[in-house]
Amino acid sequence: MRIMGLDFGSKTVGVAISDPLLITAQGIEIVRRKEENKLRQTLARIEELIVEYEVGEIVLGLPKHMNATEGDRVEKTREFADKLSRRTGLNIVFRDERLTTVAADRAMMEAGIRRENRKEYVDKIAAVFILQGYLDEMAMKKQES
């Protein structure tokens, strides 16, 4: 079993997958859509990836405001999670994603990726940060017990 990490945005969903040992996260793709509310193809592609990678759980970034309040994007993310959960039957865990996009952008900058190319990868890398944080937290809890 693997865990899938998702960074849900208005026009894209960054997708990351854990390794089978649940130690590391790897970015695999960005699912793009033409219109914000058109989710059928996005959900279908995520379902295909779930089957392909034998995913047993999903970690979904929750885009809270910097002061920890929830706005319109959180509501849309929860609606997406509900649709995804109903379609797949998988458990969905929410993870605070504040600053993951900033961290992803900074990592690409440090890697020397040009500014105009960063937009192409930022959602996938943000999904990696969301999932890796969750995997690290799980590992720490396991060590403590």
C-alpha atoms as a PDB file:
ATOM      1  CA  MET A   1       0.000   0.000   0.000  1.00  0.00           C
ATOM      2  CA  ARG A   2       1.099   3.524  -0.820  1.00  0.00           C
ATOM      3  CA  ILE A   3      -0.167   6.929   0.208  1.00  0.00           C
ATOM      4  CA  MET A   4      -1.076   9.635  -2.289  1.00  0.00           C
ATOM      5  CA  GLY A   5      -0.511  13.329  -1.595  1.00  0.00           C
ATOM      6  CA  LEU A   6      -2.587  15.956  -3.391  1.00  0.00           C
ATOM      7  CA  ASP A   7      -2.242  19.728  -3.733  1.00  0.00           C
ATOM      8  CA  PHE A   8      -5.683  20.822  -4.957  1.00  0.00           C
ATOM      9  CA  GLY A   9      -5.795  24.144  -6.799  1.00  0.00           C
ATOM     10  CA  SER A  10      -8.313  26.054  -8.860  1.00  0.00           C
ATOM     11  CA  LYS A  11      -6.990  24.667 -12.186  1.00  0.00           C
ATOM     12  CA  THR A  12      -4.485  21.971 -11.209  1.00  0.00           C
ATOM     13  CA  VAL A  13      -3.945  19.122  -8.786  1.00  0.00           C
ATOM     14  CA  GLY A  14      -0.364  18.268  -7.908  1.00  0.00           C
ATOM     15  CA  VAL A  15       0.054  14.545  -7.251  1.00  0.00           C
ATOM     16  CA  ALA A  16       2.717  12.780  -5.185  1.00  0.00           C
ATOM     17  CA  ILE A  17       3.052   9.109  -4.215  1.00  0.00           C
ATOM     18  CA  SER A  18       4.888   7.476  -1.334  1.00  0.00           C
ATOM     19  CA  ASP A  19       7.277   4.606  -1.804  1.00  0.00           C
ATOM     20  CA  PRO A  20       5.933   1.192  -0.644  1.00  0.00           C
ATOM     21  CA  LEU A  21       7.769   1.521   2.697  1.00  0.00           C
ATOM     22  CA  LEU A  22       6.082   4.898   3.378  1.00  0.00           C
ATOM     23  CA  ILE A  23       9.407   6.697   3.810  1.00  0.00           C
ATOM     24  CA  THR A  24       9.688   9.074   0.858  1.00  0.00           C
ATOM     25  CA  ALA A  25       7.342  11.028  -1.394  1.00  0.00           C
ATOM     26  CA  GLN A  26       7.837  11.479  -5.132  1.00  0.00           C
ATOM     27  CA  GLY A  27       5.981  13.879  -7.390  1.00  0.00           C
ATOM     28  CA  ILE A  28       4.374  12.053 -10.291  1.00  0.00           C
ATOM     29  CA  GLU A  29       2.197  14.497 -12.209  1.00  0.00           C
ATOM     30  CA  ILE A  30       0.023  17.577 -12.354  1.00  0.00           C
ATOM     31  CA  VAL A  31      -3.582  16.999 -13.373  1.00  0.00           C
ATOM     32  CA  ARG A  32      -4.794  20.082 -15.255  1.00  0.00           C
ATOM     33  CA  ARG A  33      -8.327  21.153 -16.088  1.00  0.00           C
ATOM     34  CA  LYS A  34      -9.710  23.915 -18.265  1.00  0.00           C
ATOM     35  CA  GLU A  35     -12.446  25.078 -15.875  1.00  0.00           C
ATOM     36  CA  GLU A  36     -12.334  25.282 -12.087  1.00  0.00           C
ATOM     37  CA  ASN A  37     -15.614  23.440 -11.430  1.00  0.00           C
ATOM     38  CA  LYS A  38     -15.115  20.680 -14.010  1.00  0.00           C
ATOM     39  CA  LEU A  39     -13.839  17.829 -11.853  1.00  0.00           C
ATOM     40  CA  ARG A  40     -15.044  14.671 -13.595  1.00  0.00           C
ATOM     41  CA  GLN A  41     -11.874  14.132 -15.670  1.00  0.00           C
ATOM     42  CA  THR A  42      -9.665  15.177 -12.745  1.00  0.00           C
ATOM     43  CA  LEU A  43     -11.322  12.643 -10.436  1.00  0.00           C
ATOM     44  CA  ALA A  44     -11.119   9.952 -13.136  1.00  0.00           C
ATOM     45  CA  ARG A  45      -7.367  10.543 -13.605  1.00  0.00           C
ATOM     46  CA  ILE A  46      -6.745  10.430  -9.857  1.00  0.00           C
ATOM     47  CA  GLU A  47      -8.708   7.157  -9.700  1.00  0.00           C
ATOM     48  CA  GLU A  48      -6.469   5.708 -12.438  1.00  0.00           C
ATOM     49  CA  LEU A  49      -3.375   6.691 -10.454  1.00  0.00           C
ATOM     50  CA  ILE A  50      -4.842   5.175  -7.274  1.00  0.00           C
ATOM     51  CA  VAL A  51      -5.256   1.831  -9.041  1.00  0.00           C
ATOM     52  CA  GLU A  52      -1.870   2.023 -10.795  1.00  0.00           C
ATOM     53  CA  TYR A  53       0.062   2.772  -7.587  1.00  0.00           C
ATOM     54  CA  GLU A  54      -2.118   0.662  -5.236  1.00  0.00           C
ATOM     55  CA  VAL A  55      -2.970   3.634  -3.025  1.00  0.00           C
ATOM     56  CA  GLY A  56      -4.663   2.942   0.296  1.00  0.00           C
ATOM     57  CA  GLU A  57      -4.915   6.469   1.721  1.00  0.00           C
ATOM     58  CA  ILE A  58      -4.903  10.072   0.483  1.00  0.00           C
ATOM     59  CA  VAL A  59      -3.360  13.135   2.132  1.00  0.00           C
ATOM     60  CA  LEU A  60      -4.911  16.350   0.854  1.00  0.00           C
ATOM     61  CA  GLY A  61      -3.474  19.790   1.498  1.00  0.00           C
ATOM     62  CA  LEU A  62      -5.850  22.172   3.277  1.00  0.00           C
ATOM     63  CA  PRO A  63      -5.185  25.776   2.153  1.00  0.00           C
ATOM     64  CA  LYS A  64      -5.828  27.734   5.342  1.00  0.00           C
ATOM     65  CA  HIS A  65      -5.070  31.435   5.575  1.00  0.00           C
ATOM     66  CA  MET A  66      -1.844  32.409   7.335  1.00  0.00           C
ATOM     67  CA  ASN A  67      -3.837  33.250  10.495  1.00  0.00           C
ATOM     68  CA  ALA A  68      -5.260  29.668  10.445  1.00  0.00           C
ATOM     69  CA  THR A  69      -8.769  30.733   9.409  1.00  0.00           C
ATOM     70  CA  GLU A  70     -10.608  28.887   6.653  1.00  0.00           C
ATOM     71  CA  GLY A  71     -11.862  30.612   3.517  1.00  0.00           C
ATOM     72  CA  ASP A  72     -13.408  29.814   0.161  1.00  0.00           C
ATOM     73  CA  ARG A  73     -10.504  27.602  -0.999  1.00  0.00           C
ATOM     74  CA  VAL A  74     -10.832  25.391   2.087  1.00  0.00           C
ATOM     75  CA  GLU A  75     -14.533  24.941   1.355  1.00  0.00           C
ATOM     76  CA  LYS A  76     -13.788  23.961  -2.265  1.00  0.00           C
ATOM     77  CA  THR A  77     -11.058  21.585  -1.088  1.00  0.00           C
ATOM     78  CA  ARG A  78     -13.442  19.882   1.352  1.00  0.00           C
ATOM     79  CA  GLU A  79     -16.041  19.509  -1.449  1.00  0.00           C
ATOM     80  CA  PHE A  80     -13.355  17.958  -3.680  1.00  0.00           C
ATOM     81  CA  ALA A  81     -12.363  15.594  -0.848  1.00  0.00           C
ATOM     82  CA  ASP A  82     -15.971  14.536  -0.389  1.00  0.00           C
ATOM     83  CA  LYS A  83     -16.357  13.733  -4.100  1.00  0.00           C
ATOM     84  CA  LEU A  84     -13.039  11.891  -4.177  1.00  0.00           C
ATOM     85  CA  SER A  85     -13.852   9.891  -1.057  1.00  0.00           C
ATOM     86  CA  ARG A  86     -17.268   8.870  -2.401  1.00  0.00           C
ATOM     87  CA  ARG A  87     -15.717   7.775  -5.722  1.00  0.00           C
ATOM     88  CA  THR A  88     -12.765   5.873  -4.312  1.00  0.00           C
ATOM     89  CA  GLY A  89     -13.895   4.764  -0.860  1.00  0.00           C
ATOM     90  CA  LEU A  90     -10.483   5.798   0.494  1.00  0.00           C
ATOM     91  CA  ASN A  91      -9.772   7.624   3.728  1.00  0.00           C
ATOM     92  CA  ILE A  92      -8.708  11.235   3.145  1.00  0.00           C
ATOM     93  CA  VAL A  93      -6.518  12.990   5.694  1.00  0.00           C
ATOM     94  CA  PHE A  94      -6.286  16.772   5.611  1.00  0.00           C
ATOM     95  CA  ARG A  95      -2.889  18.368   6.159  1.00  0.00           C
ATOM     96  CA  ASP A  96      -2.207  22.067   6.626  1.00  0.00           C
ATOM     97  CA  GLU A  97      -0.487  23.210   3.447  1.00  0.00           C
ATOM     98  CA  ARG A  98       0.435  26.753   4.457  1.00  0.00           C
ATOM     99  CA  LEU A  99       3.777  27.703   2.941  1.00  0.00           C
ATOM    100  CA  THR A 100       4.186  24.487   0.923  1.00  0.00           C
ATOM    101  CA  THR A 101       3.994  26.439  -2.335  1.00  0.00           C
ATOM    102  CA  VAL A 102       6.540  28.920  -0.973  1.00  0.00           C
ATOM    103  CA  ALA A 103       8.817  26.039   0.082  1.00  0.00           C
ATOM    104  CA  ALA A 104       8.395  24.372  -3.326  1.00  0.00           C
ATOM    105  CA  ASP A 105       9.248  27.610  -5.117  1.00  0.00           C
ATOM    106  CA  ARG A 106      12.292  28.145  -2.890  1.00  0.00           C
ATOM    107  CA  ALA A 107      13.515  24.582  -3.506  1.00  0.00           C
ATOM    108  CA  MET A 108      13.268  25.095  -7.265  1.00  0.00           C
ATOM    109  CA  MET A 109      15.048  28.437  -7.002  1.00  0.00           C
ATOM    110  CA  GLU A 110      17.887  26.791  -5.076  1.00  0.00           C
ATOM    111  CA  ALA A 111      18.022  24.047  -7.710  1.00  0.00           C
ATOM    112  CA  GLY A 112      18.530  26.712 -10.374  1.00  0.00           C
ATOM    113  CA  ILE A 113      15.202  26.265 -12.160  1.00  0.00           C
ATOM    114  CA  ARG A 114      14.330  29.408 -14.093  1.00  0.00           C
ATOM    115  CA  ARG A 115      11.390  31.476 -12.855  1.00  0.00           C
ATOM    116  CA  GLU A 116       9.312  30.919 -16.001  1.00  0.00           C
ATOM    117  CA  ASN A 117       9.706  27.144 -15.651  1.00  0.00           C
ATOM    118  CA  ARG A 118       8.848  26.960 -11.943  1.00  0.00           C
ATOM    119  CA  LYS A 119       5.100  27.401 -12.472  1.00  0.00           C
ATOM    120  CA  GLU A 120       5.071  24.165 -14.432  1.00  0.00           C
ATOM    121  CA  TYR A 121       6.282  22.128 -11.436  1.00  0.00           C
ATOM    122  CA  VAL A 122       5.218  23.994  -8.303  1.00  0.00           C
ATOM    123  CA  ASP A 123       1.964  22.057  -7.665  1.00  0.00           C
ATOM    124  CA  LYS A 124       3.655  18.676  -7.983  1.00  0.00           C
ATOM    125  CA  ILE A 125       6.457  19.716  -5.627  1.00  0.00           C
ATOM    126  CA  ALA A 126       3.949  21.204  -3.158  1.00  0.00           C
ATOM    127  CA  ALA A 127       2.168  17.803  -3.166  1.00  0.00           C
ATOM    128  CA  VAL A 128       5.515  16.186  -2.330  1.00  0.00           C
ATOM    129  CA  PHE A 129       5.983  18.548   0.637  1.00  0.00           C
ATOM    130  CA  ILE A 130       2.438  17.833   1.873  1.00  0.00           C
ATOM    131  CA  LEU A 131       2.911  14.067   1.653  1.00  0.00           C
ATOM    132  CA  GLN A 132       6.485  14.039   2.989  1.00  0.00           C
ATOM    133  CA  GLY A 133       5.390  16.030   6.045  1.00  0.00           C
ATOM    134  CA  TYR A 134       2.681  13.463   6.705  1.00  0.00           C
ATOM    135  CA  LEU A 135       5.068  10.522   6.231  1.00  0.00           C
ATOM    136  CA  ASP A 136       7.616  12.111   8.578  1.00  0.00           C
ATOM    137  CA  GLU A 137       4.910  12.705  11.194  1.00  0.00           C
ATOM    138  CA  MET A 138       3.785   9.073  10.941  1.00  0.00           C
ATOM    139  CA  ALA A 139       7.380   7.865  11.360  1.00  0.00           C
ATOM    140  CA  MET A 140       7.877  10.047  14.450  1.00  0.00           C
ATOM    141  CA  LYS A 141       4.658   8.755  16.027  1.00  0.00           C
ATOM    142  CA  LYS A 142       5.780   5.181  15.320  1.00  0.00           C
ATOM    143  CA  GLN A 143       9.138   5.815  17.023  1.00  0.00           C
ATOM    144  CA  GLU A 144       7.443   7.321  20.077  1.00  0.00           C
ATOM    145  CA  SER A 145       5.220   4.289  20.620  1.00  0.00           C
END
